[in-house]
N, C-alpha and C. Protein backbone atom coordinates (compact mmCIF):
# COMPACT_ATOMS: atom_id res chain seq x y z
N MET A 1 246.11 121.71 -19.86
CA MET A 1 245.27 121.61 -18.66
C MET A 1 245.97 122.27 -17.47
N VAL A 2 245.20 123.12 -16.75
CA VAL A 2 245.76 123.85 -15.62
C VAL A 2 245.89 122.91 -14.41
N SER A 3 247.03 122.98 -13.74
CA SER A 3 247.24 122.13 -12.56
C SER A 3 247.00 122.91 -11.29
N LYS A 4 246.56 122.23 -10.24
CA LYS A 4 246.34 122.84 -8.94
C LYS A 4 247.44 122.37 -8.01
N LYS A 5 248.14 123.33 -7.39
CA LYS A 5 249.23 122.99 -6.50
C LYS A 5 248.94 123.53 -5.10
N LEU A 6 249.04 122.64 -4.12
CA LEU A 6 248.82 123.01 -2.73
C LEU A 6 250.06 122.65 -1.92
N TYR A 7 250.57 123.61 -1.18
CA TYR A 7 251.75 123.34 -0.34
C TYR A 7 251.27 122.74 0.97
N LEU A 8 251.35 121.42 1.07
CA LEU A 8 250.80 120.70 2.23
C LEU A 8 251.85 120.03 3.09
N TYR A 9 253.08 119.94 2.59
CA TYR A 9 254.11 119.20 3.29
C TYR A 9 255.35 120.06 3.55
N PRO A 10 255.34 120.82 4.65
CA PRO A 10 256.52 121.64 4.96
C PRO A 10 257.75 120.79 5.21
N ILE A 11 258.90 121.43 5.26
CA ILE A 11 260.16 120.71 5.31
C ILE A 11 260.27 119.78 6.50
N TRP A 12 259.70 120.17 7.66
CA TRP A 12 259.84 119.31 8.83
C TRP A 12 259.07 117.99 8.65
N ILE A 13 257.93 118.05 7.98
CA ILE A 13 257.16 116.83 7.73
C ILE A 13 257.90 115.93 6.75
N ARG A 14 258.50 116.52 5.72
CA ARG A 14 259.22 115.73 4.73
C ARG A 14 260.45 115.08 5.35
N LEU A 15 261.16 115.80 6.20
CA LEU A 15 262.32 115.21 6.87
C LEU A 15 261.91 114.11 7.83
N TRP A 16 260.84 114.38 8.61
CA TRP A 16 260.32 113.34 9.52
C TRP A 16 259.92 112.11 8.74
N HIS A 17 259.20 112.30 7.64
CA HIS A 17 258.71 111.19 6.84
C HIS A 17 259.86 110.35 6.27
N ALA A 18 260.90 111.02 5.78
CA ALA A 18 262.05 110.31 5.20
C ALA A 18 262.77 109.49 6.27
N ILE A 19 263.00 110.09 7.42
CA ILE A 19 263.68 109.39 8.52
C ILE A 19 262.81 108.23 9.01
N ASN A 20 261.52 108.46 9.14
CA ASN A 20 260.61 107.42 9.61
C ASN A 20 260.59 106.25 8.64
N ALA A 21 260.52 106.53 7.34
CA ALA A 21 260.48 105.48 6.34
C ALA A 21 261.77 104.66 6.34
N LEU A 22 262.91 105.35 6.37
CA LEU A 22 264.19 104.64 6.33
C LEU A 22 264.39 103.76 7.55
N THR A 23 264.16 104.32 8.74
CA THR A 23 264.37 103.56 9.97
C THR A 23 263.40 102.40 10.08
N PHE A 24 262.15 102.62 9.66
CA PHE A 24 261.17 101.54 9.74
C PHE A 24 261.53 100.39 8.81
N LEU A 25 261.98 100.70 7.60
CA LEU A 25 262.39 99.65 6.67
C LEU A 25 263.58 98.86 7.23
N LEU A 26 264.52 99.55 7.84
CA LEU A 26 265.67 98.86 8.44
C LEU A 26 265.22 98.01 9.63
N LEU A 27 264.25 98.50 10.39
CA LEU A 27 263.72 97.73 11.52
C LEU A 27 263.01 96.47 11.02
N VAL A 28 262.26 96.58 9.94
CA VAL A 28 261.58 95.42 9.38
C VAL A 28 262.60 94.39 8.91
N ALA A 29 263.62 94.84 8.17
CA ALA A 29 264.62 93.92 7.63
C ALA A 29 265.38 93.22 8.75
N THR A 30 265.86 94.00 9.73
CA THR A 30 266.61 93.39 10.83
C THR A 30 265.70 92.59 11.75
N GLY A 31 264.46 93.03 11.91
CA GLY A 31 263.51 92.30 12.76
C GLY A 31 263.22 90.92 12.18
N ILE A 32 263.00 90.84 10.87
CA ILE A 32 262.78 89.55 10.22
C ILE A 32 264.01 88.67 10.36
N SER A 33 265.19 89.29 10.19
CA SER A 33 266.43 88.52 10.32
C SER A 33 266.58 87.95 11.72
N LEU A 34 266.28 88.78 12.74
CA LEU A 34 266.39 88.30 14.13
C LEU A 34 265.37 87.23 14.43
N HIS A 35 264.17 87.38 13.90
CA HIS A 35 263.09 86.44 14.19
C HIS A 35 263.41 85.06 13.62
N TYR A 36 264.02 85.03 12.45
CA TYR A 36 264.29 83.74 11.80
C TYR A 36 265.78 83.33 11.88
N ALA A 37 266.52 84.03 12.76
CA ALA A 37 267.95 83.71 12.89
C ALA A 37 268.12 82.31 13.47
N SER A 38 269.17 81.66 13.02
CA SER A 38 269.52 80.36 13.55
C SER A 38 271.03 80.32 13.76
N VAL A 39 271.49 79.26 14.37
CA VAL A 39 272.92 79.13 14.62
C VAL A 39 273.71 79.08 13.31
N ASP A 40 273.13 78.44 12.32
CA ASP A 40 273.83 78.24 11.05
C ASP A 40 273.75 79.45 10.11
N SER A 41 272.61 80.11 10.08
CA SER A 41 272.46 81.21 9.13
C SER A 41 271.38 82.19 9.56
N SER A 42 271.47 83.39 8.99
CA SER A 42 270.45 84.42 9.18
C SER A 42 270.55 85.37 8.00
N LEU A 43 269.50 86.12 7.76
CA LEU A 43 269.50 87.05 6.63
C LEU A 43 270.61 88.08 6.77
N ILE A 44 270.79 88.57 8.00
CA ILE A 44 271.85 89.52 8.33
C ILE A 44 272.56 88.95 9.56
N PRO A 45 273.89 89.02 9.63
CA PRO A 45 274.58 88.51 10.82
C PRO A 45 273.92 88.97 12.10
N PHE A 46 273.73 88.05 13.06
CA PHE A 46 272.91 88.31 14.23
C PHE A 46 273.33 89.56 14.98
N GLN A 47 274.61 89.68 15.34
CA GLN A 47 275.07 90.83 16.12
C GLN A 47 274.89 92.15 15.37
N ILE A 48 275.10 92.11 14.06
CA ILE A 48 274.90 93.32 13.26
C ILE A 48 273.42 93.70 13.25
N SER A 49 272.55 92.70 13.14
CA SER A 49 271.11 92.97 13.16
C SER A 49 270.69 93.60 14.49
N VAL A 50 271.23 93.10 15.59
CA VAL A 50 270.89 93.64 16.92
C VAL A 50 271.29 95.10 17.01
N VAL A 51 272.52 95.41 16.59
CA VAL A 51 273.01 96.78 16.68
C VAL A 51 272.18 97.73 15.81
N ILE A 52 271.96 97.33 14.54
CA ILE A 52 271.16 98.17 13.63
C ILE A 52 269.75 98.34 14.14
N HIS A 53 269.15 97.25 14.63
CA HIS A 53 267.77 97.31 15.12
C HIS A 53 267.66 98.25 16.32
N ASN A 54 268.58 98.17 17.25
CA ASN A 54 268.52 99.01 18.44
C ASN A 54 268.77 100.49 18.12
N ILE A 55 269.73 100.76 17.25
CA ILE A 55 270.00 102.15 16.86
C ILE A 55 268.82 102.76 16.13
N CYS A 56 268.25 102.00 15.20
CA CYS A 56 267.09 102.49 14.45
C CYS A 56 265.88 102.68 15.37
N ALA A 57 265.76 101.81 16.39
CA ALA A 57 264.66 101.95 17.34
C ALA A 57 264.77 103.27 18.10
N ILE A 58 265.96 103.65 18.50
CA ILE A 58 266.16 104.90 19.21
C ILE A 58 265.86 106.09 18.31
N ILE A 59 266.37 106.01 17.06
CA ILE A 59 266.13 107.11 16.10
C ILE A 59 264.64 107.24 15.82
N LEU A 60 263.97 106.08 15.62
CA LEU A 60 262.52 106.10 15.35
C LEU A 60 261.75 106.72 16.50
N THR A 61 262.16 106.41 17.73
CA THR A 61 261.48 106.96 18.91
C THR A 61 261.64 108.47 18.99
N ILE A 62 262.85 108.94 18.79
CA ILE A 62 263.10 110.40 18.81
C ILE A 62 262.32 111.07 17.69
N ASN A 63 262.33 110.45 16.52
CA ASN A 63 261.63 111.00 15.36
C ASN A 63 260.12 111.02 15.60
N TYR A 64 259.61 109.99 16.31
CA TYR A 64 258.18 109.98 16.64
C TYR A 64 257.84 111.14 17.57
N GLY A 65 258.74 111.44 18.49
CA GLY A 65 258.54 112.59 19.37
C GLY A 65 258.46 113.88 18.57
N VAL A 66 259.27 114.00 17.53
CA VAL A 66 259.23 115.18 16.65
C VAL A 66 257.87 115.27 15.97
N PHE A 67 257.37 114.11 15.55
CA PHE A 67 256.05 114.08 14.88
C PHE A 67 254.94 114.55 15.82
N VAL A 68 254.92 114.03 17.02
CA VAL A 68 253.86 114.39 17.99
C VAL A 68 253.95 115.87 18.38
N ILE A 69 255.15 116.31 18.72
CA ILE A 69 255.34 117.71 19.11
C ILE A 69 255.04 118.64 17.93
N GLY A 70 255.49 118.25 16.74
CA GLY A 70 255.21 119.05 15.55
C GLY A 70 253.73 119.21 15.29
N ASN A 71 252.98 118.13 15.48
CA ASN A 71 251.53 118.20 15.29
C ASN A 71 250.86 119.07 16.35
N LEU A 72 251.42 119.08 17.54
CA LEU A 72 250.86 119.91 18.62
C LEU A 72 251.12 121.40 18.39
N LEU A 73 252.27 121.71 17.78
CA LEU A 73 252.70 123.10 17.65
C LEU A 73 252.37 123.71 16.29
N THR A 74 251.97 122.90 15.33
CA THR A 74 251.68 123.42 14.00
C THR A 74 250.27 123.04 13.57
N GLY A 75 249.87 123.57 12.44
CA GLY A 75 248.53 123.28 11.93
C GLY A 75 248.38 121.88 11.41
N ASN A 76 249.48 121.14 11.28
CA ASN A 76 249.38 119.77 10.76
C ASN A 76 248.57 118.86 11.67
N GLY A 77 248.49 119.20 12.95
CA GLY A 77 247.73 118.37 13.89
C GLY A 77 246.26 118.29 13.58
N MET A 78 245.71 119.33 12.90
CA MET A 78 244.26 119.33 12.65
C MET A 78 243.87 118.21 11.69
N PHE A 79 244.80 117.76 10.85
CA PHE A 79 244.47 116.69 9.91
C PHE A 79 244.23 115.36 10.61
N TYR A 80 244.70 115.24 11.85
CA TYR A 80 244.53 114.01 12.62
C TYR A 80 243.44 114.15 13.69
N SER A 81 243.12 115.37 14.07
CA SER A 81 242.24 115.55 15.22
C SER A 81 240.81 115.94 14.86
N LYS A 82 240.58 116.59 13.73
CA LYS A 82 239.24 117.03 13.40
C LYS A 82 238.49 115.93 12.65
N TRP A 83 237.43 115.43 13.28
CA TRP A 83 236.65 114.35 12.68
C TRP A 83 235.32 114.89 12.19
N ARG A 84 234.96 114.52 11.01
CA ARG A 84 233.70 114.98 10.43
C ARG A 84 232.56 114.01 10.77
N LYS A 85 231.33 114.49 10.65
CA LYS A 85 230.17 113.66 10.96
C LYS A 85 229.98 112.59 9.88
N ASN A 86 229.18 111.60 10.21
CA ASN A 86 228.86 110.52 9.27
C ASN A 86 230.12 109.82 8.76
N LEU A 87 230.97 109.43 9.70
CA LEU A 87 232.25 108.84 9.33
C LEU A 87 232.08 107.52 8.59
N TRP A 88 231.20 106.63 9.09
CA TRP A 88 231.07 105.30 8.48
C TRP A 88 230.59 105.36 7.04
N PRO A 89 229.57 106.16 6.70
CA PRO A 89 229.18 106.27 5.27
C PRO A 89 230.32 106.81 4.41
N LYS A 90 231.11 107.71 4.96
CA LYS A 90 232.22 108.26 4.19
C LYS A 90 233.34 107.23 3.99
N LEU A 91 233.56 106.42 5.02
CA LEU A 91 234.54 105.35 4.89
C LEU A 91 234.12 104.38 3.80
N TRP A 92 232.85 104.02 3.77
CA TRP A 92 232.32 103.12 2.76
C TRP A 92 232.42 103.73 1.36
N LYS A 93 232.10 105.01 1.27
CA LYS A 93 232.17 105.70 -0.02
C LYS A 93 233.60 105.70 -0.55
N GLN A 94 234.56 105.93 0.32
CA GLN A 94 235.96 105.93 -0.08
C GLN A 94 236.41 104.53 -0.48
N PHE A 95 235.96 103.53 0.27
CA PHE A 95 236.31 102.14 -0.04
C PHE A 95 235.78 101.75 -1.42
N VAL A 96 234.54 102.10 -1.72
CA VAL A 96 233.94 101.78 -3.02
C VAL A 96 234.72 102.47 -4.13
N PHE A 97 235.17 103.69 -3.86
CA PHE A 97 235.96 104.40 -4.87
C PHE A 97 237.26 103.65 -5.17
N TYR A 98 237.96 103.24 -4.09
CA TYR A 98 239.21 102.50 -4.28
C TYR A 98 238.97 101.16 -4.97
N ALA A 99 237.85 100.50 -4.65
CA ALA A 99 237.57 99.17 -5.17
C ALA A 99 237.02 99.19 -6.60
N VAL A 100 236.23 100.22 -6.92
CA VAL A 100 235.55 100.25 -8.22
C VAL A 100 235.75 101.56 -8.96
N GLY A 101 235.39 102.64 -8.30
CA GLY A 101 235.34 103.94 -8.95
C GLY A 101 236.62 104.39 -9.60
N ILE A 102 237.75 104.15 -8.94
CA ILE A 102 239.03 104.62 -9.48
C ILE A 102 239.35 103.96 -10.81
N PHE A 103 238.87 102.72 -11.01
CA PHE A 103 239.14 102.00 -12.26
C PHE A 103 238.19 102.45 -13.38
N LYS A 104 237.14 103.19 -13.01
CA LYS A 104 236.21 103.72 -14.00
C LYS A 104 236.50 105.18 -14.32
N GLY A 105 237.53 105.73 -13.68
CA GLY A 105 237.89 107.12 -13.91
C GLY A 105 236.97 108.11 -13.22
N GLU A 106 236.25 107.66 -12.19
CA GLU A 106 235.35 108.56 -11.48
C GLU A 106 236.12 109.58 -10.66
N PRO A 107 235.56 110.75 -10.43
CA PRO A 107 236.26 111.77 -9.62
C PRO A 107 236.39 111.33 -8.17
N HIS A 108 237.45 111.77 -7.53
CA HIS A 108 237.68 111.41 -6.13
C HIS A 108 236.57 111.98 -5.26
N PRO A 109 235.96 111.16 -4.40
CA PRO A 109 234.84 111.65 -3.56
C PRO A 109 235.27 112.67 -2.51
N PHE A 110 236.56 112.64 -2.15
CA PHE A 110 237.07 113.58 -1.13
C PHE A 110 238.37 114.20 -1.62
N PRO A 111 238.26 115.17 -2.54
CA PRO A 111 239.48 115.78 -3.09
C PRO A 111 240.28 116.50 -2.00
N ILE A 112 241.59 116.54 -2.18
CA ILE A 112 242.48 117.17 -1.22
C ILE A 112 242.34 118.67 -1.28
N THR A 113 242.25 119.29 -0.10
CA THR A 113 242.19 120.75 0.04
C THR A 113 243.14 121.18 1.15
N LYS A 114 243.24 122.46 1.36
CA LYS A 114 244.09 122.98 2.43
C LYS A 114 243.64 122.49 3.81
N LYS A 115 242.33 122.22 3.94
CA LYS A 115 241.77 121.80 5.22
C LYS A 115 241.53 120.28 5.28
N GLN A 116 241.68 119.58 4.15
CA GLN A 116 241.41 118.14 4.12
C GLN A 116 242.53 117.46 3.34
N LYS A 117 243.59 117.10 4.05
CA LYS A 117 244.74 116.47 3.40
C LYS A 117 244.53 114.97 3.22
N PHE A 118 243.72 114.36 4.09
CA PHE A 118 243.48 112.93 4.04
C PHE A 118 242.03 112.63 3.71
N ASN A 119 241.81 111.55 2.94
CA ASN A 119 240.44 111.08 2.78
C ASN A 119 240.07 110.28 4.03
N PRO A 120 238.80 109.92 4.23
CA PRO A 120 238.38 109.25 5.48
C PRO A 120 239.17 107.97 5.79
N LEU A 121 239.41 107.11 4.79
CA LEU A 121 240.14 105.87 5.04
C LEU A 121 241.59 106.16 5.43
N GLN A 122 242.20 107.12 4.78
CA GLN A 122 243.57 107.50 5.13
C GLN A 122 243.62 108.01 6.56
N LYS A 123 242.67 108.86 6.91
CA LYS A 123 242.71 109.47 8.23
C LYS A 123 242.59 108.41 9.33
N VAL A 124 241.65 107.50 9.19
CA VAL A 124 241.48 106.45 10.19
C VAL A 124 242.73 105.59 10.30
N SER A 125 243.28 105.19 9.14
CA SER A 125 244.46 104.32 9.14
C SER A 125 245.67 105.04 9.67
N TYR A 126 245.86 106.33 9.34
CA TYR A 126 247.02 107.09 9.83
C TYR A 126 246.93 107.32 11.34
N VAL A 127 245.73 107.64 11.81
CA VAL A 127 245.55 107.84 13.26
C VAL A 127 245.83 106.54 13.99
N PHE A 128 245.31 105.44 13.47
CA PHE A 128 245.56 104.13 14.09
C PHE A 128 247.03 103.81 14.10
N ALA A 129 247.69 104.00 12.97
CA ALA A 129 249.11 103.66 12.84
C ALA A 129 249.99 104.55 13.71
N MET A 130 249.75 105.86 13.69
CA MET A 130 250.66 106.79 14.34
C MET A 130 250.36 107.02 15.82
N TYR A 131 249.10 106.92 16.23
CA TYR A 131 248.76 107.22 17.62
C TYR A 131 248.41 105.98 18.46
N PHE A 132 248.32 104.83 17.80
CA PHE A 132 248.10 103.60 18.54
C PHE A 132 249.20 102.58 18.24
N GLY A 133 249.42 102.33 16.96
CA GLY A 133 250.42 101.34 16.58
C GLY A 133 251.85 101.72 16.97
N MET A 134 252.27 102.92 16.63
CA MET A 134 253.63 103.34 16.92
C MET A 134 253.94 103.36 18.42
N PRO A 135 253.09 103.92 19.28
CA PRO A 135 253.38 103.87 20.71
C PRO A 135 253.50 102.43 21.23
N LEU A 136 252.64 101.52 20.78
CA LEU A 136 252.72 100.13 21.21
C LEU A 136 254.02 99.49 20.71
N LEU A 137 254.41 99.82 19.49
CA LEU A 137 255.65 99.27 18.95
C LEU A 137 256.85 99.74 19.74
N ILE A 138 256.87 101.03 20.07
CA ILE A 138 257.99 101.63 20.81
C ILE A 138 258.05 101.08 22.25
N ILE A 139 256.90 101.06 22.90
CA ILE A 139 256.86 100.59 24.29
C ILE A 139 257.29 99.11 24.39
N SER A 140 256.74 98.27 23.49
CA SER A 140 257.09 96.85 23.53
C SER A 140 258.56 96.66 23.13
N GLY A 141 259.05 97.46 22.21
CA GLY A 141 260.43 97.35 21.77
C GLY A 141 261.41 97.69 22.89
N PHE A 142 261.13 98.77 23.59
CA PHE A 142 262.01 99.14 24.70
C PHE A 142 261.86 98.18 25.88
N GLY A 143 260.70 97.57 25.98
CA GLY A 143 260.54 96.53 27.00
C GLY A 143 261.47 95.36 26.73
N LEU A 144 261.63 95.02 25.45
CA LEU A 144 262.52 93.93 25.07
C LEU A 144 263.99 94.36 25.14
N MET A 145 264.24 95.64 24.92
CA MET A 145 265.61 96.14 24.96
C MET A 145 266.15 96.18 26.39
N PHE A 146 265.21 96.41 27.34
CA PHE A 146 265.60 96.47 28.76
C PHE A 146 264.77 95.47 29.54
N PRO A 147 265.04 94.18 29.35
CA PRO A 147 264.21 93.13 29.98
C PRO A 147 264.21 93.17 31.50
N GLU A 148 265.25 93.77 32.11
CA GLU A 148 265.29 93.85 33.56
C GLU A 148 264.20 94.76 34.12
N LYS A 149 263.62 95.61 33.26
CA LYS A 149 262.56 96.52 33.68
C LYS A 149 261.17 95.92 33.50
N ILE A 150 261.08 94.75 32.89
CA ILE A 150 259.80 94.13 32.59
C ILE A 150 259.22 93.43 33.82
N SER A 151 257.93 93.57 34.03
CA SER A 151 257.27 92.86 35.10
C SER A 151 257.38 91.34 34.86
N ASN A 152 257.46 90.60 35.92
CA ASN A 152 257.59 89.14 35.79
C ASN A 152 256.41 88.51 35.06
N ALA A 153 255.23 89.07 35.29
CA ALA A 153 254.04 88.51 34.65
C ALA A 153 253.06 89.63 34.27
N ILE A 154 252.45 89.52 33.10
CA ILE A 154 251.43 90.44 32.64
C ILE A 154 250.28 89.59 32.13
N PHE A 155 249.08 89.83 32.69
CA PHE A 155 247.91 89.01 32.34
C PHE A 155 248.21 87.53 32.58
N ASN A 156 248.96 87.24 33.64
CA ASN A 156 249.28 85.88 34.06
C ASN A 156 250.17 85.12 33.06
N ILE A 157 250.89 85.86 32.19
CA ILE A 157 251.87 85.24 31.32
C ILE A 157 253.21 85.97 31.50
N SER A 158 254.27 85.37 31.05
CA SER A 158 255.59 85.97 31.17
C SER A 158 255.60 87.37 30.59
N GLY A 159 256.15 88.31 31.34
CA GLY A 159 256.24 89.69 30.86
C GLY A 159 257.06 89.79 29.59
N LEU A 160 258.16 89.04 29.54
CA LEU A 160 259.02 89.06 28.36
C LEU A 160 258.29 88.50 27.13
N LEU A 161 257.55 87.41 27.34
CA LEU A 161 256.79 86.80 26.26
C LEU A 161 255.69 87.76 25.80
N PHE A 162 255.04 88.43 26.74
CA PHE A 162 253.97 89.37 26.40
C PHE A 162 254.48 90.47 25.48
N TYR A 163 255.61 91.09 25.88
CA TYR A 163 256.17 92.17 25.06
C TYR A 163 256.64 91.65 23.71
N ASP A 164 257.20 90.46 23.68
CA ASP A 164 257.71 89.87 22.45
C ASP A 164 256.56 89.65 21.47
N VAL A 165 255.50 89.03 21.93
CA VAL A 165 254.35 88.76 21.06
C VAL A 165 253.70 90.06 20.60
N LEU A 166 253.55 91.02 21.52
CA LEU A 166 252.96 92.32 21.18
C LEU A 166 253.81 93.02 20.12
N HIS A 167 255.12 93.00 20.29
CA HIS A 167 256.03 93.66 19.37
C HIS A 167 255.93 93.05 17.96
N ILE A 168 255.87 91.72 17.91
CA ILE A 168 255.80 91.05 16.62
C ILE A 168 254.46 91.34 15.92
N ILE A 169 253.37 91.28 16.68
CA ILE A 169 252.04 91.52 16.09
C ILE A 169 251.92 92.95 15.57
N VAL A 170 252.31 93.91 16.40
CA VAL A 170 252.21 95.31 15.99
C VAL A 170 253.13 95.59 14.81
N GLY A 171 254.35 95.04 14.87
CA GLY A 171 255.27 95.21 13.75
C GLY A 171 254.71 94.65 12.46
N PHE A 172 254.05 93.49 12.54
CA PHE A 172 253.46 92.86 11.35
C PHE A 172 252.33 93.73 10.80
N VAL A 173 251.45 94.22 11.69
CA VAL A 173 250.32 95.06 11.26
C VAL A 173 250.82 96.34 10.61
N LEU A 174 251.82 96.97 11.20
CA LEU A 174 252.36 98.21 10.64
C LEU A 174 253.08 97.94 9.32
N SER A 175 253.66 96.76 9.17
CA SER A 175 254.30 96.41 7.89
C SER A 175 253.26 96.29 6.78
N ILE A 176 252.11 95.70 7.12
CA ILE A 176 251.02 95.61 6.15
C ILE A 176 250.53 97.01 5.80
N PHE A 177 250.41 97.87 6.82
CA PHE A 177 250.02 99.25 6.59
C PHE A 177 250.99 99.94 5.63
N LEU A 178 252.29 99.67 5.80
CA LEU A 178 253.31 100.26 4.93
C LEU A 178 253.11 99.84 3.48
N VAL A 179 252.84 98.55 3.25
CA VAL A 179 252.63 98.06 1.90
C VAL A 179 251.41 98.74 1.27
N ILE A 180 250.31 98.82 2.01
CA ILE A 180 249.09 99.47 1.51
C ILE A 180 249.35 100.95 1.26
N HIS A 181 250.09 101.58 2.16
CA HIS A 181 250.44 103.00 2.02
C HIS A 181 251.23 103.24 0.73
N LEU A 182 252.20 102.39 0.47
CA LEU A 182 252.99 102.54 -0.74
C LEU A 182 252.13 102.36 -1.99
N TYR A 183 251.19 101.40 -1.92
CA TYR A 183 250.31 101.18 -3.07
C TYR A 183 249.43 102.41 -3.32
N THR A 184 248.79 102.92 -2.28
CA THR A 184 247.88 104.06 -2.44
C THR A 184 248.64 105.30 -2.91
N CYS A 185 249.93 105.36 -2.62
CA CYS A 185 250.74 106.49 -3.07
C CYS A 185 250.97 106.46 -4.58
N THR A 186 250.62 105.36 -5.23
CA THR A 186 250.76 105.29 -6.68
C THR A 186 249.45 105.69 -7.38
N LEU A 187 248.44 106.08 -6.61
CA LEU A 187 247.12 106.34 -7.17
C LEU A 187 246.88 107.83 -7.47
N GLY A 188 247.94 108.60 -7.62
CA GLY A 188 247.79 110.00 -8.00
C GLY A 188 247.50 110.11 -9.48
N ASP A 189 247.57 111.35 -10.03
CA ASP A 189 247.34 111.55 -11.46
C ASP A 189 248.30 110.69 -12.28
N LYS A 190 249.54 110.56 -11.78
CA LYS A 190 250.54 109.67 -12.34
C LYS A 190 251.13 108.85 -11.20
N PRO A 191 251.68 107.66 -11.48
CA PRO A 191 252.22 106.82 -10.39
C PRO A 191 253.21 107.53 -9.48
N GLY A 192 253.96 108.50 -10.00
CA GLY A 192 254.97 109.16 -9.17
C GLY A 192 254.55 110.50 -8.59
N THR A 193 253.33 110.93 -8.88
CA THR A 193 252.89 112.27 -8.45
C THR A 193 252.93 112.45 -6.93
N LEU A 194 252.37 111.49 -6.21
CA LEU A 194 252.30 111.61 -4.76
C LEU A 194 253.68 111.44 -4.10
N PHE A 195 254.53 110.63 -4.70
CA PHE A 195 255.89 110.51 -4.17
C PHE A 195 256.65 111.83 -4.35
N LYS A 196 256.37 112.51 -5.45
CA LYS A 196 257.00 113.80 -5.72
C LYS A 196 256.62 114.83 -4.67
N SER A 197 255.40 114.69 -4.12
CA SER A 197 254.95 115.62 -3.08
C SER A 197 255.85 115.62 -1.86
N MET A 198 256.41 114.43 -1.55
CA MET A 198 257.29 114.33 -0.40
C MET A 198 258.71 114.83 -0.68
N ILE A 199 258.93 115.27 -1.90
CA ILE A 199 260.21 115.86 -2.26
C ILE A 199 260.13 117.38 -2.30
N ASN A 200 259.08 117.87 -2.98
CA ASN A 200 258.97 119.34 -3.12
C ASN A 200 257.92 119.97 -2.18
N GLY A 201 257.12 119.13 -1.51
CA GLY A 201 256.14 119.66 -0.55
C GLY A 201 254.79 120.00 -1.14
N TYR A 202 254.65 119.91 -2.47
CA TYR A 202 253.41 120.33 -3.12
C TYR A 202 252.56 119.15 -3.56
N HIS A 203 251.29 119.20 -3.25
CA HIS A 203 250.34 118.24 -3.82
C HIS A 203 249.82 118.87 -5.12
N GLU A 204 249.92 118.10 -6.18
CA GLU A 204 249.57 118.64 -7.51
C GLU A 204 248.50 117.78 -8.14
N GLU A 205 247.46 118.46 -8.69
CA GLU A 205 246.41 117.79 -9.43
C GLU A 205 246.18 118.52 -10.74
N HIS A 206 245.75 117.76 -11.75
CA HIS A 206 245.47 118.35 -13.06
C HIS A 206 243.96 118.39 -13.31
């Protein structure tokens, strides 16, 4: 059977993706440790968690800047900015495929092409995660890192409490997104096919 290979992931995207994944996983691990830390015990020693969390936060922020600038300066930005008509019916069609069609061996309703790297559900979730979730996570995180810069009150509640709750909620939502993202990455022709794409840059279908 002849395979179709599309070069969709240039080196800068693969490097950004690897750094983003590693730093986010470390942030999740240290964040959970800090959240549930106690005087007697914690998953990771408290001071070590703080140092790792802060360093990874800075790296993640710089790396996010690379992502935004890269999308502005390269063709990769079109995958996030160009929206097709009839979005809701397409979202439903993709959802039904994931829920039922994929288990029946039905063809993908939105096959990957040079101009369409994401299916409708992926596009909405990626835009939400990268252009809404990540900025909120970064802003709230730096608010907590520099509490002296926080307003005394936001929406009539403590500014520190506001940023803390926002940071936890956004971090939790993005963590769920990560789990779903990892699962959908196993839905290629073979479980490792899509992961391989982030190594060699090629999306391959048979």
